[in-house]
Protein backbone atom coordinates (compact mmCIF):
# COMPACT_ATOMS: atom_id res chain seq x y z
CA MET A 1 -14.90 90.59 -83.39
CA GLY A 2 -13.25 93.83 -84.37
CA LEU A 3 -11.56 94.88 -87.55
CA PHE A 4 -8.29 93.31 -86.44
CA GLY A 5 -10.00 89.99 -85.72
CA ALA A 6 -11.69 89.94 -89.14
CA MET A 7 -8.44 90.75 -90.94
CA PHE A 8 -6.48 88.21 -88.91
CA GLY A 9 -9.14 85.55 -89.54
CA LYS A 10 -8.99 86.10 -93.31
CA ALA A 11 -5.19 85.93 -93.27
CA VAL A 12 -5.25 82.65 -91.32
CA LYS A 13 -7.87 81.14 -93.65
CA LYS A 14 -5.85 82.17 -96.70
CA LYS A 15 -2.63 80.69 -95.31
CA THR A 16 -4.42 77.48 -94.27
CA SER A 17 -5.87 77.16 -97.76
CA GLU A 18 -2.42 77.66 -99.32
CA ILE A 19 -0.89 75.03 -97.06
CA SER A 20 -3.68 72.55 -97.84
CA ALA A 21 -3.22 73.10 -101.57
CA GLU A 22 0.55 72.58 -101.23
CA VAL A 23 0.07 69.32 -99.29
CA ALA A 24 -2.44 68.05 -101.88
CA LYS A 25 -0.03 68.91 -104.69
CA LYS A 26 2.80 67.04 -102.91
CA VAL A 27 0.61 63.94 -102.49
CA ASN A 28 -0.51 64.17 -106.10
CA ARG A 29 3.08 64.72 -107.25
CA ASP A 30 3.95 61.34 -105.72
CA LEU A 31 1.02 59.86 -107.64
CA VAL A 32 2.24 61.44 -110.91
CA GLU A 33 5.78 60.17 -110.35
CA ALA A 34 4.50 56.66 -109.66
CA ALA A 35 2.34 56.73 -112.79
CA VAL A 36 5.15 57.98 -115.02
CA TYR A 37 7.77 55.53 -113.80
CA GLY A 38 5.27 52.68 -113.61
CA CYS A 39 4.27 53.26 -117.23
CA PHE A 40 7.88 53.55 -118.35
CA PHE A 41 8.74 50.34 -116.47
CA ILE A 42 6.01 48.39 -118.23
CA ALA A 43 6.57 50.06 -121.61
CA SER A 44 10.30 49.32 -121.52
CA ALA A 45 9.93 45.75 -120.25
CA ASP A 46 10.56 44.42 -123.75
CA GLY A 47 13.78 46.46 -123.96
CA GLU A 48 12.28 49.20 -126.12
CA LEU A 49 10.38 52.36 -125.39
CA GLU A 50 8.03 53.37 -128.17
CA GLU A 51 6.91 56.92 -128.84
CA SER A 52 3.25 55.85 -128.86
CA GLU A 53 3.65 54.48 -125.32
CA ILE A 54 5.21 57.74 -124.13
CA LYS A 55 2.42 59.82 -125.69
CA LYS A 56 -0.26 57.56 -124.23
CA THR A 57 1.39 57.83 -120.78
CA GLN A 58 1.37 61.62 -120.95
CA LYS A 59 -2.22 61.81 -122.21
CA LEU A 60 -3.64 59.40 -119.61
CA ILE A 61 -1.89 61.11 -116.71
CA ALA A 62 -2.83 64.61 -117.89
CA ASN A 63 -6.48 63.54 -118.10
CA GLU A 64 -6.63 61.92 -114.65
CA LYS A 65 -8.56 64.14 -112.20
CA LEU A 66 -6.06 63.82 -109.32
CA MET A 67 -3.11 64.51 -111.61
CA LYS A 68 -4.37 67.62 -113.40
CA GLY A 69 -2.36 70.81 -113.12
CA PHE A 70 1.09 69.30 -113.55
CA GLY A 71 1.54 70.42 -117.22
CA ALA A 72 5.18 71.49 -117.34
CA GLU A 73 6.15 69.29 -114.40
CA LEU A 74 4.63 66.26 -116.14
CA THR A 75 6.50 67.04 -119.33
CA ASN A 76 9.75 67.43 -117.37
CA LEU A 77 9.16 64.19 -115.49
CA ILE A 78 8.49 62.29 -118.71
CA ASP A 79 11.63 63.79 -120.27
CA GLU A 80 13.59 62.77 -117.15
CA ALA A 81 12.26 59.19 -117.34
CA GLU A 82 12.98 59.00 -121.06
CA THR A 83 16.55 60.17 -120.47
CA ALA A 84 16.95 57.65 -117.64
CA PHE A 85 15.86 54.88 -120.02
CA THR A 86 18.04 56.11 -122.89
CA GLU A 87 21.13 56.57 -120.73
CA GLY A 88 20.66 53.79 -118.19
CA GLY A 89 18.22 51.33 -119.66
CA PRO A 90 15.45 49.25 -118.11
CA ARG A 91 17.35 48.60 -114.84
CA ILE A 92 17.35 52.29 -113.94
CA ILE A 93 13.66 52.60 -114.78
CA ARG A 94 12.87 49.46 -112.76
CA ARG A 95 14.65 50.80 -109.67
CA LYS A 96 12.86 54.15 -109.85
CA ALA A 97 9.48 52.52 -110.61
CA LYS A 98 9.85 50.14 -107.68
CA ALA A 99 10.53 52.99 -105.26
CA GLU A 100 7.63 55.09 -106.55
CA LEU A 101 5.10 52.24 -106.76
CA GLU A 102 5.95 50.87 -103.31
CA ASP A 103 4.98 54.28 -101.93
CA LEU A 104 1.41 53.54 -103.10
CA ALA A 105 1.13 50.19 -101.30
CA HIS A 106 -0.51 51.96 -98.34
CA ASP A 107 -3.11 53.73 -100.52
CA PRO A 108 -5.32 51.28 -102.45
CA GLU A 109 -7.23 54.07 -104.23
CA GLN A 110 -4.11 55.68 -105.66
CA ALA A 111 -2.58 52.29 -106.44
CA ASP A 112 -5.74 51.41 -108.37
CA ILE A 113 -5.53 54.62 -110.41
CA VAL A 114 -1.89 54.00 -111.30
CA MET A 115 -2.39 50.31 -112.06
CA THR A 116 -5.27 51.14 -114.39
CA ILE A 117 -3.11 53.66 -116.25
CA ILE A 118 -0.16 51.26 -116.38
CA CYS A 119 -2.29 48.46 -117.82
CA THR A 120 -3.78 50.80 -120.41
CA VAL A 121 -0.31 51.81 -121.59
CA ALA A 122 0.83 48.17 -121.53
CA ASP A 123 -2.08 47.25 -123.79
CA GLU A 124 -0.83 49.66 -126.48
CA GLY A 125 -0.13 47.10 -129.21
CA GLY A 126 -1.00 44.16 -126.95
CA ILE A 127 0.51 42.82 -123.75
CA GLY A 128 3.51 40.60 -124.43
CA ASP A 129 5.16 38.14 -122.03
CA ALA A 130 7.77 40.67 -120.84
CA GLU A 131 5.10 43.28 -120.17
CA LYS A 132 2.91 40.77 -118.35
CA ALA A 133 5.82 39.80 -116.09
CA ALA A 134 6.47 43.49 -115.39
CA LEU A 135 2.78 44.06 -114.64
CA ILE A 136 2.82 41.22 -112.11
CA GLU A 137 5.89 42.72 -110.47
CA ALA A 138 4.44 46.27 -110.40
CA ALA A 139 1.14 45.03 -108.97
CA GLY A 140 3.05 43.22 -106.22
CA TRP A 141 4.90 46.40 -105.26
CA MET A 142 1.52 48.09 -104.75
CA ASN A 143 -0.10 45.08 -103.00
CA LEU A 144 -2.53 44.59 -105.88
CA ASN A 145 -3.64 41.50 -107.77
CA VAL A 146 -2.82 41.97 -111.44
CA LYS A 147 -5.63 39.59 -112.45
CA GLU A 148 -8.14 42.26 -111.47
CA TYR A 149 -6.71 44.55 -114.16
CA LEU A 150 -6.18 42.24 -117.11
């Protein structure tokens, strides 16, 4: 392998690595979106969205291994979800959460991660009847049994 082959090989490896990283980030972005909207769906099930629930959502997602590295994007996504709730209410959040969570129905590992985060946020101050109903609905969208998480 000559000099050209070595240089070409390095360039191909670098490009392949960049593409792999971009694909992983896209997959993980879907996971982040599902977690944010899932948490907002559960947190707003009682008609209110409390600051402590928003902060807990952000902290749990930021600390999840597969969702690290989304700093500014996570903040923007949470701001977007908060605006959607403020301007449109729980129906808008429900529609977005349903779409994002249904995307995880084919991936039990990612669905498990998101459901665990959602339940943790729901338990902020205790799980009321409205939140429990929302948890059942969210679990169904991801083909999970909510009883395994409560």
